[in-house]
């Protein structure tokens, strides 16, 4: 985000919202951990990592190129 700000990236506000959503999702997961089984945690973490790290990096972060 800092780099995007320095370069006046036109989609910065949208990108910030994506990051905010990512943090909210992760916070929710952490708060619910005690109610989940190990298997449920594995599935949720896998989906989170796939969505917010792999897909986000490939589709959103690469736009800055």
PDB file of N, CA and C in Angstrom:
ATOM      1  N   UNK A   1       0.824  -1.183   0.000  1.00  0.00           N
ATOM      2  CA  UNK A   1       0.000   0.000   0.000  1.00  0.00           C
ATOM      3  C   UNK A   1       0.868   1.246   0.000  1.00  0.00           C
ATOM      4  N   UNK A   2       1.924   1.221   0.755  1.00  0.00           N
ATOM      5  CA  UNK A   2       2.800   2.390   0.827  1.00  0.00           C
ATOM      6  C   UNK A   2       3.360   2.723  -0.556  1.00  0.00           C
ATOM      7  N   UNK A   3       3.791   1.708  -1.272  1.00  0.00           N
ATOM      8  CA  UNK A   3       4.300   1.923  -2.621  1.00  0.00           C
ATOM      9  C   UNK A   3       3.201   2.460  -3.538  1.00  0.00           C
ATOM     10  N   UNK A   4       2.011   1.920  -3.391  1.00  0.00           N
ATOM     11  CA  UNK A   4       0.887   2.367  -4.204  1.00  0.00           C
ATOM     12  C   UNK A   4       0.579   3.837  -3.929  1.00  0.00           C
ATOM     13  N   UNK A   5       0.703   4.244  -2.695  1.00  0.00           N
ATOM     14  CA  UNK A   5       0.482   5.654  -2.349  1.00  0.00           C
ATOM     15  C   UNK A   5       1.541   6.533  -3.003  1.00  0.00           C
ATOM     16  N   UNK A   6       2.783   6.101  -2.935  1.00  0.00           N
ATOM     17  CA  UNK A   6       3.885   6.881  -3.510  1.00  0.00           C
ATOM     18  C   UNK A   6       3.770   7.032  -5.020  1.00  0.00           C
ATOM     19  N   UNK A   7       3.195   6.041  -5.668  1.00  0.00           N
ATOM     20  CA  UNK A   7       3.080   6.082  -7.123  1.00  0.00           C
ATOM     21  C   UNK A   7       1.710   6.566  -7.600  1.00  0.00           C
ATOM     22  N   UNK A   8       0.884   7.022  -6.669  1.00  0.00           N
ATOM     23  CA  UNK A   8      -0.471   7.487  -6.991  1.00  0.00           C
ATOM     24  C   UNK A   8      -1.275   6.443  -7.756  1.00  0.00           C
ATOM     25  N   UNK A   9      -1.221   5.241  -7.269  1.00  0.00           N
ATOM     26  CA  UNK A   9      -1.940   4.133  -7.889  1.00  0.00           C
ATOM     27  C   UNK A   9      -3.428   4.449  -7.907  1.00  0.00           C
ATOM     28  N   UNK A  10      -4.078   4.427  -9.082  1.00  0.00           N
ATOM     29  CA  UNK A  10      -5.479   4.860  -9.180  1.00  0.00           C
ATOM     30  C   UNK A  10      -6.498   3.985  -8.455  1.00  0.00           C
ATOM     31  N   UNK A  11      -6.163   2.759  -8.167  1.00  0.00           N
ATOM     32  CA  UNK A  11      -7.110   1.860  -7.496  1.00  0.00           C
ATOM     33  C   UNK A  11      -6.759   1.652  -6.023  1.00  0.00           C
ATOM     34  N   UNK A  12      -6.049   2.595  -5.461  1.00  0.00           N
ATOM     35  CA  UNK A  12      -5.568   2.454  -4.084  1.00  0.00           C
ATOM     36  C   UNK A  12      -6.699   2.281  -3.070  1.00  0.00           C
ATOM     37  N   UNK A  13      -7.739   3.069  -3.167  1.00  0.00           N
ATOM     38  CA  UNK A  13      -8.824   2.973  -2.178  1.00  0.00           C
ATOM     39  C   UNK A  13      -9.510   1.611  -2.239  1.00  0.00           C
ATOM     40  N   UNK A  14      -9.707   1.108  -3.428  1.00  0.00           N
ATOM     41  CA  UNK A  14     -10.293  -0.227  -3.578  1.00  0.00           C
ATOM     42  C   UNK A  14      -9.369  -1.271  -2.977  1.00  0.00           C
ATOM     43  N   UNK A  15      -8.090  -1.108  -3.213  1.00  0.00           N
ATOM     44  CA  UNK A  15      -7.109  -2.063  -2.697  1.00  0.00           C
ATOM     45  C   UNK A  15      -7.071  -2.029  -1.165  1.00  0.00           C
ATOM     46  N   UNK A  16      -7.167  -0.854  -0.604  1.00  0.00           N
ATOM     47  CA  UNK A  16      -7.207  -0.732   0.860  1.00  0.00           C
ATOM     48  C   UNK A  16      -8.424  -1.452   1.434  1.00  0.00           C
ATOM     49  N   UNK A  17      -9.556  -1.354   0.738  1.00  0.00           N
ATOM     50  CA  UNK A  17     -10.766  -2.039   1.200  1.00  0.00           C
ATOM     51  C   UNK A  17     -10.578  -3.558   1.164  1.00  0.00           C
ATOM     52  N   UNK A  18      -9.893  -4.046   0.147  1.00  0.00           N
ATOM     53  CA  UNK A  18      -9.603  -5.478   0.080  1.00  0.00           C
ATOM     54  C   UNK A  18      -8.744  -5.916   1.262  1.00  0.00           C
ATOM     55  N   UNK A  19      -7.747  -5.111   1.597  1.00  0.00           N
ATOM     56  CA  UNK A  19      -6.891  -5.434   2.736  1.00  0.00           C
ATOM     57  C   UNK A  19      -7.668  -5.374   4.042  1.00  0.00           C
ATOM     58  N   UNK A  20      -8.526  -4.386   4.157  1.00  0.00           N
ATOM     59  CA  UNK A  20      -9.353  -4.272   5.374  1.00  0.00           C
ATOM     60  C   UNK A  20     -10.245  -5.504   5.527  1.00  0.00           C
ATOM     61  N   UNK A  21     -10.850  -5.926   4.432  1.00  0.00           N
ATOM     62  CA  UNK A  21     -11.700  -7.114   4.459  1.00  0.00           C
ATOM     63  C   UNK A  21     -10.893  -8.346   4.853  1.00  0.00           C
ATOM     64  N   UNK A  22      -9.687  -8.438   4.343  1.00  0.00           N
ATOM     65  CA  UNK A  22      -8.818  -9.564   4.683  1.00  0.00           C
ATOM     66  C   UNK A  22      -8.547  -9.601   6.194  1.00  0.00           C
ATOM     67  N   UNK A  23      -8.238  -8.468   6.765  1.00  0.00           N
ATOM     68  CA  UNK A  23      -7.970  -8.407   8.203  1.00  0.00           C
ATOM     69  C   UNK A  23      -9.217  -8.711   9.030  1.00  0.00           C
ATOM     70  N   UNK A  24     -10.356  -8.242   8.585  1.00  0.00           N
ATOM     71  CA  UNK A  24     -11.614  -8.534   9.294  1.00  0.00           C
ATOM     72  C   UNK A  24     -11.929 -10.028   9.259  1.00  0.00           C
ATOM     73  N   UNK A  25     -11.700 -10.647   8.113  1.00  0.00           N
ATOM     74  CA  UNK A  25     -11.934 -12.086   7.981  1.00  0.00           C
ATOM     75  C   UNK A  25     -11.005 -12.866   8.896  1.00  0.00           C
ATOM     76  N   UNK A  26      -9.762 -12.484   8.928  1.00  0.00           N
ATOM     77  CA  UNK A  26      -8.787 -13.163   9.782  1.00  0.00           C
ATOM     78  C   UNK A  26      -9.109 -12.960  11.267  1.00  0.00           C
ATOM     79  N   UNK A  27      -9.506 -11.775  11.629  1.00  0.00           N
ATOM     80  CA  UNK A  27      -9.887 -11.496  13.019  1.00  0.00           C
ATOM     81  C   UNK A  27     -11.075 -12.360  13.434  1.00  0.00           C
ATOM     82  N   UNK A  28     -12.053 -12.455  12.547  1.00  0.00           N
ATOM     83  CA  UNK A  28     -13.225 -13.292  12.821  1.00  0.00           C
ATOM     84  C   UNK A  28     -12.807 -14.747  13.023  1.00  0.00           C
ATOM     85  N   UNK A  29     -11.939 -15.220  12.168  1.00  0.00           N
ATOM     86  CA  UNK A  29     -11.458 -16.596  12.293  1.00  0.00           C
ATOM     87  C   UNK A  29     -10.767 -16.815  13.635  1.00  0.00           C
ATOM     88  N   UNK A  30      -9.902 -15.936  14.016  1.00  0.00           N
ATOM     89  CA  UNK A  30      -9.185 -16.071  15.291  1.00  0.00           C
ATOM     90  C   UNK A  30     -10.169 -16.093  16.457  1.00  0.00           C
ATOM     91  N   UNK A  31     -11.182 -15.258  16.384  1.00  0.00           N
ATOM     92  CA  UNK A  31     -12.182 -15.208  17.460  1.00  0.00           C
ATOM     93  C   UNK A  31     -13.045 -16.460  17.540  1.00  0.00           C
ATOM     94  N   UNK A  32     -13.151 -17.189  16.440  1.00  0.00           N
ATOM     95  CA  UNK A  32     -13.989 -18.389  16.402  1.00  0.00           C
ATOM     96  C   UNK A  32     -13.201 -19.690  16.559  1.00  0.00           C
ATOM     97  N   UNK A  33     -11.907 -19.607  16.673  1.00  0.00           N
ATOM     98  CA  UNK A  33     -11.074 -20.813  16.720  1.00  0.00           C
ATOM     99  C   UNK A  33     -11.498 -21.806  17.797  1.00  0.00           C
ATOM    100  N   UNK A  34     -11.839 -21.308  18.954  1.00  0.00           N
ATOM    101  CA  UNK A  34     -12.173 -22.202  20.067  1.00  0.00           C
ATOM    102  C   UNK A  34     -13.437 -23.029  19.811  1.00  0.00           C
ATOM    103  N   UNK A  35     -14.259 -22.601  18.851  1.00  0.00           N
ATOM    104  CA  UNK A  35     -15.499 -23.318  18.544  1.00  0.00           C
ATOM    105  C   UNK A  35     -15.360 -24.277  17.363  1.00  0.00           C
ATOM    106  N   UNK A  36     -14.188 -24.343  16.778  1.00  0.00           N
ATOM    107  CA  UNK A  36     -13.995 -25.136  15.555  1.00  0.00           C
ATOM    108  C   UNK A  36     -13.151 -26.377  15.812  1.00  0.00           C
ATOM    109  N   UNK A  37     -13.384 -27.373  14.989  1.00  0.00           N
ATOM    110  CA  UNK A  37     -12.530 -28.560  15.049  1.00  0.00           C
ATOM    111  C   UNK A  37     -11.264 -28.290  14.231  1.00  0.00           C
ATOM    112  N   UNK A  38     -10.277 -29.124  14.415  1.00  0.00           N
ATOM    113  CA  UNK A  38      -9.033 -28.998  13.650  1.00  0.00           C
ATOM    114  C   UNK A  38      -9.319 -29.073  12.154  1.00  0.00           C
ATOM    115  N   UNK A  39     -10.182 -29.977  11.768  1.00  0.00           N
ATOM    116  CA  UNK A  39     -10.519 -30.126  10.352  1.00  0.00           C
ATOM    117  C   UNK A  39     -11.175 -28.857   9.789  1.00  0.00           C
ATOM    118  N   UNK A  40     -12.067 -28.266  10.556  1.00  0.00           N
ATOM    119  CA  UNK A  40     -12.707 -27.023  10.113  1.00  0.00           C
ATOM    120  C   UNK A  40     -11.681 -25.895   9.987  1.00  0.00           C
ATOM    121  N   UNK A  41     -10.791 -25.827  10.934  1.00  0.00           N
ATOM    122  CA  UNK A  41      -9.735 -24.807  10.903  1.00  0.00           C
ATOM    123  C   UNK A  41      -8.858 -24.989   9.666  1.00  0.00           C
ATOM    124  N   UNK A  42      -8.499 -26.223   9.369  1.00  0.00           N
ATOM    125  CA  UNK A  42      -7.677 -26.494   8.192  1.00  0.00           C
ATOM    126  C   UNK A  42      -8.356 -26.006   6.916  1.00  0.00           C
ATOM    127  N   UNK A  43      -9.636 -26.314   6.780  1.00  0.00           N
ATOM    128  CA  UNK A  43     -10.381 -25.921   5.579  1.00  0.00           C
ATOM    129  C   UNK A  43     -10.458 -24.392   5.488  1.00  0.00           C
ATOM    130  N   UNK A  44     -10.814 -23.758   6.571  1.00  0.00           N
ATOM    131  CA  UNK A  44     -10.960 -22.301   6.580  1.00  0.00           C
ATOM    132  C   UNK A  44      -9.621 -21.625   6.293  1.00  0.00           C
ATOM    133  N   UNK A  45      -8.555 -22.102   6.908  1.00  0.00           N
ATOM    134  CA  UNK A  45      -7.234 -21.516   6.665  1.00  0.00           C
ATOM    135  C   UNK A  45      -6.782 -21.707   5.227  1.00  0.00           C
ATOM    136  N   UNK A  46      -7.025 -22.880   4.691  1.00  0.00           N
ATOM    137  CA  UNK A  46      -6.670 -23.133   3.302  1.00  0.00           C
ATOM    138  C   UNK A  46      -7.410 -22.161   2.381  1.00  0.00           C
ATOM    139  N   UNK A  47      -8.707 -22.004   2.605  1.00  0.00           N
ATOM    140  CA  UNK A  47      -9.498 -21.094   1.786  1.00  0.00           C
ATOM    141  C   UNK A  47      -9.028 -19.648   1.943  1.00  0.00           C
ATOM    142  N   UNK A  48      -8.717 -19.272   3.169  1.00  0.00           N
ATOM    143  CA  UNK A  48      -8.237 -17.911   3.430  1.00  0.00           C
ATOM    144  C   UNK A  48      -6.921 -17.660   2.701  1.00  0.00           C
ATOM    145  N   UNK A  49      -6.001 -18.581   2.843  1.00  0.00           N
ATOM    146  CA  UNK A  49      -4.696 -18.429   2.188  1.00  0.00           C
ATOM    147  C   UNK A  49      -4.850 -18.390   0.677  1.00  0.00           C
ATOM    148  N   UNK A  50      -5.665 -19.275   0.152  1.00  0.00           N
ATOM    149  CA  UNK A  50      -5.872 -19.303  -1.297  1.00  0.00           C
ATOM    150  C   UNK A  50      -6.487 -17.986  -1.789  1.00  0.00           C
ATOM    151  N   UNK A  51      -7.494 -17.520  -1.105  1.00  0.00           N
ATOM    152  CA  UNK A  51      -8.202 -16.317  -1.541  1.00  0.00           C
ATOM    153  C   UNK A  51      -7.377 -15.054  -1.341  1.00  0.00           C
ATOM    154  N   UNK A  52      -6.859 -14.882  -0.147  1.00  0.00           N
ATOM    155  CA  UNK A  52      -6.262 -13.600   0.188  1.00  0.00           C
ATOM    156  C   UNK A  52      -4.769 -13.504  -0.066  1.00  0.00           C
ATOM    157  N   UNK A  53      -4.112 -14.597  -0.220  1.00  0.00           N
ATOM    158  CA  UNK A  53      -2.689 -14.512  -0.517  1.00  0.00           C
ATOM    159  C   UNK A  53      -2.399 -14.894  -1.954  1.00  0.00           C
ATOM    160  N   UNK A  54      -2.888 -16.007  -2.380  1.00  0.00           N
ATOM    161  CA  UNK A  54      -2.586 -16.457  -3.734  1.00  0.00           C
ATOM    162  C   UNK A  54      -3.378 -15.638  -4.756  1.00  0.00           C
ATOM    163  N   UNK A  55      -4.688 -15.665  -4.680  1.00  0.00           N
ATOM    164  CA  UNK A  55      -5.507 -14.941  -5.672  1.00  0.00           C
ATOM    165  C   UNK A  55      -5.291 -13.436  -5.600  1.00  0.00           C
ATOM    166  N   UNK A  56      -5.212 -12.913  -4.401  1.00  0.00           N
ATOM    167  CA  UNK A  56      -5.024 -11.473  -4.238  1.00  0.00           C
ATOM    168  C   UNK A  56      -3.706 -11.026  -4.870  1.00  0.00           C
ATOM    169  N   UNK A  57      -2.667 -11.732  -4.599  1.00  0.00           N
ATOM    170  CA  UNK A  57      -1.357 -11.369  -5.154  1.00  0.00           C
ATOM    171  C   UNK A  57      -1.374 -11.477  -6.677  1.00  0.00           C
ATOM    172  N   UNK A  58      -1.932 -12.552  -7.178  1.00  0.00           N
ATOM    173  CA  UNK A  58      -1.943 -12.779  -8.623  1.00  0.00           C
ATOM    174  C   UNK A  58      -2.836 -11.770  -9.354  1.00  0.00           C
ATOM    175  N   UNK A  59      -3.996 -11.462  -8.792  1.00  0.00           N
ATOM    176  CA  UNK A  59      -4.925 -10.595  -9.520  1.00  0.00           C
ATOM    177  C   UNK A  59      -4.816  -9.122  -9.135  1.00  0.00           C
ATOM    178  N   UNK A  60      -4.647  -8.823  -7.876  1.00  0.00           N
ATOM    179  CA  UNK A  60      -4.685  -7.435  -7.426  1.00  0.00           C
ATOM    180  C   UNK A  60      -3.304  -6.780  -7.335  1.00  0.00           C
ATOM    181  N   UNK A  61      -2.395  -7.436  -6.659  1.00  0.00           N
ATOM    182  CA  UNK A  61      -1.084  -6.832  -6.468  1.00  0.00           C
ATOM    183  C   UNK A  61      -0.295  -6.701  -7.774  1.00  0.00           C
ATOM    184  N   UNK A  62      -0.518  -7.584  -8.679  1.00  0.00           N
ATOM    185  CA  UNK A  62       0.196  -7.518  -9.963  1.00  0.00           C
ATOM    186  C   UNK A  62      -0.305  -6.388 -10.850  1.00  0.00           C
ATOM    187  N   UNK A  63      -1.463  -5.842 -10.547  1.00  0.00           N
ATOM    188  CA  UNK A  63      -1.991  -4.726 -11.341  1.00  0.00           C
ATOM    189  C   UNK A  63      -1.048  -3.513 -11.307  1.00  0.00           C
ATOM    190  N   UNK A  64      -0.280  -3.408 -10.261  1.00  0.00           N
ATOM    191  CA  UNK A  64       0.596  -2.251 -10.112  1.00  0.00           C
ATOM    192  C   UNK A  64       1.730  -2.252 -11.137  1.00  0.00           C
ATOM    193  N   UNK A  65       1.988  -3.388 -11.731  1.00  0.00           N
ATOM    194  CA  UNK A  65       3.051  -3.450 -12.727  1.00  0.00           C
ATOM    195  C   UNK A  65       2.743  -2.492 -13.828  1.00  0.00           C
TER     196      UNK A  65
END
